[in-house]
Amino acid sequence: MQTRMPVRAKPFEHQRNACDAAIDAFYSGRSRGYALLMQMGCGKSLAAIGVAGRLDLLRNRSKEFEITDTSNEIEPQAKAFSSISIAFRQDFETFDETNGVLVVYPFT
């Protein structure tokens, strides 16, 4: 299932492929969640925003995207840097083309 990623940027091929794989996993019934495993700076945020936007458009649902910030639990040294949820929130506001709402939950 390939459709355009609803983002305000031109995604690279690997980002489009990741988005397609996530959408296929959700719609095949194989998964209720999906991990985007890419190195830092490879565009995980844009791919995730694309997945959320496509799910919203395909399901015709309210535009609320939920993430869990696990950065401080997985990497305690990350506390010295800005939280991933802050960076992702900025990316979401910049690139989301569907005017969605981002909800960030702390890792518990």
N, C-alpha and C. Protein backbone atom coordinates (compact mmCIF):
# COMPACT_ATOMS: atom_id res chain seq x y z
N MET A 1 0.85 -1.17 0.00
CA MET A 1 0.00 0.00 0.00
C MET A 1 0.90 1.24 0.00
N GLN A 2 0.96 1.93 -1.13
CA GLN A 2 1.80 3.11 -1.21
C GLN A 2 0.94 4.32 -1.52
N THR A 3 0.97 5.27 -0.60
CA THR A 3 0.32 6.54 -0.81
C THR A 3 1.28 7.62 -0.37
N ARG A 4 0.98 8.83 -0.68
CA ARG A 4 1.85 9.95 -0.34
C ARG A 4 1.90 10.14 1.17
N MET A 5 3.09 10.46 1.70
CA MET A 5 3.22 10.78 3.12
C MET A 5 2.72 12.21 3.31
N PRO A 6 1.75 12.45 4.19
CA PRO A 6 1.21 13.81 4.39
C PRO A 6 2.13 14.63 5.29
N VAL A 7 3.27 15.04 4.73
CA VAL A 7 4.24 15.85 5.48
C VAL A 7 4.66 17.04 4.64
N ARG A 8 5.11 18.10 5.32
CA ARG A 8 5.57 19.31 4.64
C ARG A 8 7.06 19.22 4.35
N ALA A 9 7.46 18.17 3.67
CA ALA A 9 8.85 17.96 3.28
C ALA A 9 8.85 16.88 2.22
N LYS A 10 9.95 16.75 1.51
CA LYS A 10 10.07 15.68 0.53
C LYS A 10 10.85 14.55 1.18
N PRO A 11 10.16 13.46 1.57
CA PRO A 11 10.85 12.36 2.24
C PRO A 11 11.78 11.61 1.28
N PHE A 12 12.85 11.09 1.86
CA PHE A 12 13.77 10.25 1.11
C PHE A 12 13.14 8.87 0.91
N GLU A 13 13.73 8.09 0.01
CA GLU A 13 13.19 6.76 -0.29
C GLU A 13 13.12 5.87 0.95
N HIS A 14 14.16 5.90 1.80
CA HIS A 14 14.15 5.04 2.98
C HIS A 14 13.06 5.44 3.96
N GLN A 15 12.70 6.73 4.00
CA GLN A 15 11.61 7.18 4.86
C GLN A 15 10.27 6.72 4.30
N ARG A 16 10.11 6.81 2.99
CA ARG A 16 8.87 6.33 2.36
C ARG A 16 8.73 4.82 2.54
N ASN A 17 9.84 4.09 2.39
CA ASN A 17 9.80 2.63 2.57
C ASN A 17 9.44 2.27 4.01
N ALA A 18 10.00 3.00 4.98
CA ALA A 18 9.68 2.74 6.40
C ALA A 18 8.21 3.02 6.67
N CYS A 19 7.70 4.10 6.11
CA CYS A 19 6.29 4.45 6.29
C CYS A 19 5.40 3.37 5.67
N ASP A 20 5.73 2.93 4.47
CA ASP A 20 4.95 1.87 3.82
C ASP A 20 4.97 0.59 4.64
N ALA A 21 6.14 0.21 5.16
CA ALA A 21 6.27 -1.02 5.95
C ALA A 21 5.42 -0.94 7.22
N ALA A 22 5.43 0.21 7.88
CA ALA A 22 4.62 0.38 9.10
C ALA A 22 3.14 0.29 8.78
N ILE A 23 2.70 0.96 7.73
CA ILE A 23 1.28 0.92 7.35
C ILE A 23 0.88 -0.51 6.98
N ASP A 24 1.74 -1.20 6.22
CA ASP A 24 1.45 -2.60 5.86
C ASP A 24 1.34 -3.47 7.11
N ALA A 25 2.23 -3.26 8.09
CA ALA A 25 2.19 -4.06 9.33
C ALA A 25 0.89 -3.82 10.08
N PHE A 26 0.45 -2.56 10.17
CA PHE A 26 -0.80 -2.26 10.86
C PHE A 26 -2.00 -2.88 10.14
N TYR A 27 -2.04 -2.75 8.82
CA TYR A 27 -3.21 -3.22 8.07
C TYR A 27 -3.23 -4.71 7.82
N SER A 28 -2.09 -5.38 7.96
CA SER A 28 -2.07 -6.83 7.78
C SER A 28 -2.51 -7.55 9.05
N GLY A 29 -2.59 -6.80 10.14
CA GLY A 29 -2.95 -7.40 11.42
C GLY A 29 -1.75 -7.98 12.16
N ARG A 30 -0.55 -7.82 11.61
CA ARG A 30 0.65 -8.36 12.24
C ARG A 30 1.09 -7.55 13.45
N SER A 31 0.66 -6.29 13.53
CA SER A 31 1.22 -5.43 14.56
C SER A 31 0.24 -4.35 14.99
N ARG A 32 0.29 -4.01 16.28
CA ARG A 32 -0.45 -2.85 16.80
C ARG A 32 0.50 -1.70 17.06
N GLY A 33 1.79 -1.94 16.86
CA GLY A 33 2.81 -0.92 17.04
C GLY A 33 3.93 -1.19 16.06
N TYR A 34 4.81 -0.23 15.90
CA TYR A 34 5.90 -0.39 14.93
C TYR A 34 7.08 0.45 15.37
N ALA A 35 8.27 -0.12 15.31
CA ALA A 35 9.49 0.61 15.68
C ALA A 35 10.22 1.03 14.42
N LEU A 36 10.61 2.29 14.37
CA LEU A 36 11.43 2.79 13.28
C LEU A 36 12.87 2.80 13.78
N LEU A 37 13.65 1.84 13.32
CA LEU A 37 15.02 1.69 13.79
C LEU A 37 15.97 2.23 12.74
N MET A 38 16.38 3.48 12.94
CA MET A 38 17.31 4.15 12.04
C MET A 38 18.33 4.88 12.90
N GLN A 39 19.48 5.15 12.33
CA GLN A 39 20.48 5.89 13.05
C GLN A 39 20.02 7.34 13.25
N MET A 40 20.66 8.01 14.20
CA MET A 40 20.35 9.40 14.48
C MET A 40 20.57 10.24 13.21
N GLY A 41 19.61 11.07 12.92
CA GLY A 41 19.71 11.97 11.78
C GLY A 41 19.21 11.39 10.47
N CYS A 42 18.63 10.19 10.50
CA CYS A 42 18.16 9.54 9.27
C CYS A 42 16.69 9.79 8.99
N GLY A 43 16.01 10.53 9.86
CA GLY A 43 14.63 10.90 9.55
C GLY A 43 13.54 10.06 10.18
N LYS A 44 13.81 9.55 11.39
CA LYS A 44 12.76 8.77 12.09
C LYS A 44 11.55 9.64 12.38
N SER A 45 11.78 10.86 12.79
CA SER A 45 10.66 11.75 13.13
C SER A 45 9.76 11.98 11.94
N LEU A 46 10.36 12.30 10.79
CA LEU A 46 9.55 12.55 9.60
C LEU A 46 8.79 11.30 9.18
N ALA A 47 9.44 10.14 9.25
CA ALA A 47 8.76 8.89 8.91
C ALA A 47 7.60 8.63 9.88
N ALA A 48 7.82 8.85 11.18
CA ALA A 48 6.76 8.64 12.17
C ALA A 48 5.59 9.59 11.95
N ILE A 49 5.88 10.83 11.62
CA ILE A 49 4.83 11.81 11.35
C ILE A 49 4.05 11.39 10.10
N GLY A 50 4.76 10.85 9.11
CA GLY A 50 4.11 10.35 7.90
C GLY A 50 3.20 9.17 8.20
N VAL A 51 3.67 8.25 9.06
CA VAL A 51 2.84 7.10 9.45
C VAL A 51 1.57 7.58 10.15
N ALA A 52 1.73 8.47 11.11
CA ALA A 52 0.56 8.98 11.85
C ALA A 52 -0.43 9.66 10.92
N GLY A 53 0.08 10.48 10.02
CA GLY A 53 -0.79 11.18 9.08
C GLY A 53 -1.53 10.23 8.15
N ARG A 54 -0.81 9.23 7.65
CA ARG A 54 -1.46 8.27 6.75
C ARG A 54 -2.49 7.43 7.49
N LEU A 55 -2.20 7.03 8.72
CA LEU A 55 -3.20 6.28 9.49
C LEU A 55 -4.44 7.13 9.72
N ASP A 56 -4.24 8.40 10.04
CA ASP A 56 -5.39 9.29 10.23
C ASP A 56 -6.22 9.39 8.97
N LEU A 57 -5.55 9.56 7.84
CA LEU A 57 -6.27 9.71 6.57
C LEU A 57 -6.95 8.41 6.16
N LEU A 58 -6.26 7.28 6.33
CA LEU A 58 -6.82 5.99 5.94
C LEU A 58 -7.97 5.56 6.84
N ARG A 59 -7.86 5.86 8.11
CA ARG A 59 -8.90 5.45 9.06
C ARG A 59 -9.98 6.51 9.24
N ASN A 60 -9.73 7.70 8.68
CA ASN A 60 -10.67 8.81 8.81
C ASN A 60 -11.00 9.06 10.28
N ARG A 61 -9.95 9.12 11.09
CA ARG A 61 -10.11 9.29 12.54
C ARG A 61 -9.69 10.70 12.96
N SER A 62 -9.88 10.97 14.24
CA SER A 62 -9.41 12.24 14.78
C SER A 62 -7.89 12.26 14.65
N LYS A 63 -7.36 13.42 14.51
CA LYS A 63 -5.94 13.56 14.26
C LYS A 63 -5.17 13.76 15.57
N GLU A 64 -5.05 12.69 16.33
CA GLU A 64 -4.28 12.71 17.56
C GLU A 64 -3.21 11.64 17.47
N PHE A 65 -1.97 12.05 17.63
CA PHE A 65 -0.83 11.15 17.52
C PHE A 65 -0.19 11.03 18.89
N GLU A 66 -0.07 9.81 19.40
CA GLU A 66 0.46 9.59 20.74
C GLU A 66 1.83 8.95 20.67
N ILE A 67 2.76 9.48 21.46
CA ILE A 67 4.08 8.87 21.58
C ILE A 67 4.42 8.74 23.07
N THR A 68 5.32 7.82 23.37
CA THR A 68 5.83 7.67 24.72
C THR A 68 7.30 8.02 24.71
N ASP A 69 7.71 8.95 25.54
CA ASP A 69 9.10 9.38 25.61
C ASP A 69 9.87 8.42 26.52
N THR A 70 10.70 7.58 25.91
CA THR A 70 11.48 6.61 26.67
C THR A 70 12.95 6.99 26.74
N SER A 71 13.31 8.14 26.22
CA SER A 71 14.73 8.49 26.10
C SER A 71 15.46 8.48 27.43
N ASN A 72 14.86 9.01 28.48
CA ASN A 72 15.55 9.07 29.77
C ASN A 72 15.60 7.72 30.46
N GLU A 73 14.66 6.83 30.15
CA GLU A 73 14.68 5.51 30.77
C GLU A 73 15.69 4.59 30.08
N ILE A 74 15.79 4.71 28.76
CA ILE A 74 16.69 3.84 28.00
C ILE A 74 18.13 4.35 28.10
N GLU A 75 18.31 5.64 28.00
CA GLU A 75 19.64 6.23 28.04
C GLU A 75 19.66 7.32 29.11
N PRO A 76 20.06 6.99 30.35
CA PRO A 76 20.06 7.98 31.41
C PRO A 76 20.90 9.21 31.09
N GLN A 77 21.96 9.05 30.28
CA GLN A 77 22.79 10.20 29.94
C GLN A 77 22.03 11.20 29.06
N ALA A 78 20.91 10.78 28.50
CA ALA A 78 20.13 11.68 27.66
C ALA A 78 19.53 12.83 28.46
N LYS A 79 19.48 12.68 29.80
CA LYS A 79 18.93 13.76 30.63
C LYS A 79 19.75 15.03 30.49
N ALA A 80 21.03 14.91 30.11
CA ALA A 80 21.88 16.08 29.94
C ALA A 80 21.51 16.86 28.69
N PHE A 81 20.81 16.23 27.78
CA PHE A 81 20.42 16.87 26.53
C PHE A 81 18.92 17.16 26.57
N SER A 82 18.43 17.88 25.56
CA SER A 82 16.99 18.15 25.53
C SER A 82 16.24 16.85 25.31
N SER A 83 15.07 16.75 25.88
CA SER A 83 14.26 15.54 25.80
C SER A 83 13.84 15.29 24.35
N ILE A 84 13.76 14.03 23.99
CA ILE A 84 13.33 13.69 22.63
C ILE A 84 11.91 14.17 22.37
N SER A 85 11.10 14.24 23.41
CA SER A 85 9.73 14.69 23.20
C SER A 85 9.69 16.16 22.78
N ILE A 86 10.63 16.97 23.26
CA ILE A 86 10.69 18.38 22.85
C ILE A 86 11.08 18.48 21.39
N ALA A 87 12.11 17.73 20.99
CA ALA A 87 12.56 17.76 19.60
C ALA A 87 11.47 17.22 18.67
N PHE A 88 10.83 16.13 19.08
CA PHE A 88 9.79 15.55 18.24
C PHE A 88 8.60 16.49 18.13
N ARG A 89 8.25 17.15 19.23
CA ARG A 89 7.14 18.11 19.21
C ARG A 89 7.41 19.22 18.18
N GLN A 90 8.65 19.70 18.16
CA GLN A 90 9.02 20.74 17.19
C GLN A 90 8.93 20.21 15.76
N ASP A 91 9.43 19.00 15.55
CA ASP A 91 9.35 18.39 14.21
C ASP A 91 7.89 18.19 13.80
N PHE A 92 7.08 17.73 14.73
CA PHE A 92 5.67 17.49 14.44
C PHE A 92 4.99 18.78 14.01
N GLU A 93 5.23 19.86 14.74
CA GLU A 93 4.61 21.14 14.40
C GLU A 93 5.10 21.65 13.05
N THR A 94 6.35 21.36 12.72
CA THR A 94 6.93 21.82 11.46
C THR A 94 6.44 21.01 10.27
N PHE A 95 6.39 19.68 10.40
CA PHE A 95 6.18 18.82 9.24
C PHE A 95 4.79 18.21 9.09
N ASP A 96 3.98 18.17 10.14
CA ASP A 96 2.67 17.54 10.02
C ASP A 96 1.78 18.35 9.09
N GLU A 97 1.27 17.69 8.06
CA GLU A 97 0.44 18.35 7.06
C GLU A 97 -1.05 18.18 7.35
N THR A 98 -1.38 17.36 8.37
CA THR A 98 -2.79 17.06 8.63
C THR A 98 -3.37 17.88 9.78
N ASN A 99 -2.57 18.80 10.33
CA ASN A 99 -2.99 19.61 11.48
C ASN A 99 -3.40 18.73 12.66
N GLY A 100 -2.62 17.72 12.90
CA GLY A 100 -2.90 16.78 14.00
C GLY A 100 -2.54 17.35 15.35
N VAL A 101 -2.86 16.59 16.38
CA VAL A 101 -2.55 16.96 17.76
C VAL A 101 -1.58 15.92 18.30
N LEU A 102 -0.49 16.38 18.88
CA LEU A 102 0.51 15.48 19.44
C LEU A 102 0.31 15.37 20.95
N VAL A 103 0.24 14.14 21.44
CA VAL A 103 0.12 13.89 22.88
C VAL A 103 1.33 13.07 23.28
N VAL A 104 2.11 13.56 24.26
CA VAL A 104 3.32 12.87 24.70
C VAL A 104 3.11 12.35 26.10
N TYR A 105 3.28 11.05 26.26
CA TYR A 105 3.15 10.42 27.56
C TYR A 105 4.53 10.08 28.11
N PRO A 106 4.78 10.31 29.40
CA PRO A 106 6.06 9.88 29.97
C PRO A 106 6.11 8.36 30.05
N PHE A 107 7.32 7.81 29.95
CA PHE A 107 7.50 6.37 30.04
C PHE A 107 7.21 5.92 31.46
N THR A 108 6.39 4.89 31.60
CA THR A 108 6.09 4.36 32.94
C THR A 108 6.33 2.87 32.97
